[in-house]
Protein backbone atom coordinates (compact mmCIF):
# COMPACT_ATOMS: atom_id res chain seq x y z
CA MET A 1 -20.47 1.27 4.96
CA THR A 2 -20.50 3.43 8.07
CA THR A 3 -17.26 3.82 10.00
CA THR A 4 -17.53 4.67 13.68
CA LEU A 5 -15.17 5.63 16.47
CA SER A 6 -15.57 5.36 20.24
CA VAL A 7 -12.80 6.80 22.40
CA ILE A 8 -12.23 8.58 25.71
CA ALA A 9 -10.32 11.76 24.91
CA LEU A 10 -9.11 15.02 26.42
CA VAL A 11 -10.81 18.11 24.96
CA THR A 12 -8.11 20.62 24.01
CA ARG A 13 -10.08 23.31 22.13
CA VAL A 14 -13.79 24.23 22.02
CA LYS A 15 -15.72 26.71 19.87
CA GLU A 16 -19.49 27.22 19.74
CA SER A 17 -21.81 28.46 17.03
CA SER A 18 -25.59 28.66 16.94
CA GLN A 19 -25.98 25.13 15.51
CA THR A 20 -22.83 23.25 16.61
CA VAL A 21 -20.12 22.82 19.21
CA PHE A 22 -16.80 21.92 17.62
CA GLY A 23 -13.13 21.69 18.47
CA ASP A 24 -10.18 19.36 18.96
CA ALA A 25 -9.46 16.47 21.31
CA THR A 26 -6.60 14.04 21.82
CA TYR A 27 -6.15 10.51 23.12
CA ARG A 28 -3.24 8.17 23.79
CA ASP A 29 -2.64 5.47 21.19
CA LYS A 30 -1.28 2.52 23.19
CA VAL A 31 0.32 0.84 20.16
CA SER A 32 2.42 3.78 18.98
CA ASP A 33 2.44 5.71 22.31
CA GLU A 34 1.49 8.85 20.37
CA TYR A 35 -1.26 11.38 21.05
CA PRO A 36 -3.30 11.85 17.85
CA ILE A 37 -5.46 14.97 17.64
CA PHE A 38 -8.89 14.77 16.07
CA GLY A 39 -11.68 17.23 15.46
CA PHE A 40 -15.20 16.82 16.77
CA LYS A 41 -18.50 18.37 15.85
CA GLN A 42 -21.70 18.07 17.89
CA PHE A 43 -24.87 19.20 16.14
CA LEU A 44 -27.75 20.86 17.94
CA LYS A 45 -30.04 17.87 17.32
CA SER A 46 -27.69 15.55 19.31
CA ARG A 47 -27.82 17.70 22.43
CA HIS A 48 -29.86 16.05 25.17
CA GLU A 49 -30.01 16.56 28.93
CA TYR A 50 -27.38 13.81 29.35
CA ASN A 51 -24.95 15.55 26.96
CA GLU A 52 -23.23 18.35 28.86
CA VAL A 53 -21.47 21.26 27.19
CA PHE A 54 -17.77 20.46 26.66
CA LYS A 55 -15.06 22.61 28.21
CA GLU A 56 -11.34 22.58 27.52
CA GLY A 57 -9.68 20.07 29.85
CA ASP A 58 -12.68 17.71 30.06
CA LEU A 59 -12.31 13.95 29.58
CA VAL A 60 -15.14 12.95 27.28
CA SER A 61 -16.42 9.67 25.87
CA PHE A 62 -16.81 10.36 22.15
CA GLY A 63 -18.79 8.09 19.87
CA GLY A 64 -20.02 8.62 16.35
CA ARG A 65 -19.28 8.49 12.65
CA PHE A 66 -15.94 9.70 11.49
CA THR A 67 -14.49 11.06 8.27
CA VAL A 68 -11.13 12.38 7.20
CA ASP A 69 -11.45 16.12 6.57
CA ASP A 70 -8.39 17.98 5.22
CA LYS A 71 -6.11 15.09 6.30
CA LYS A 72 -7.51 15.21 9.84
CA LEU A 73 -9.89 12.82 11.56
CA MET A 74 -13.30 14.42 12.24
CA VAL A 75 -15.92 12.79 14.52
CA SER A 76 -19.58 13.74 14.24
CA ILE A 77 -20.97 13.01 17.70
CA SER A 78 -24.00 10.78 17.97
CA TYR A 79 -23.93 10.24 21.77
């Protein structure tokens, strides 16, 4: 069973490598009024002309599969 996440979040940290762009982002949880931080990873194959390079401070619509990696939510971006 695939688990997905779609959220608008603030990018707080960005790093680039030859095959991926990865970093951290945060969003406001309306129920608990907390700001959870999650990691994201965008692979080279998901980069299209409509996917711009992320910068720290950008508000981004994230969508993709997620896993828990080292007790932290990690989103692999599909769009």
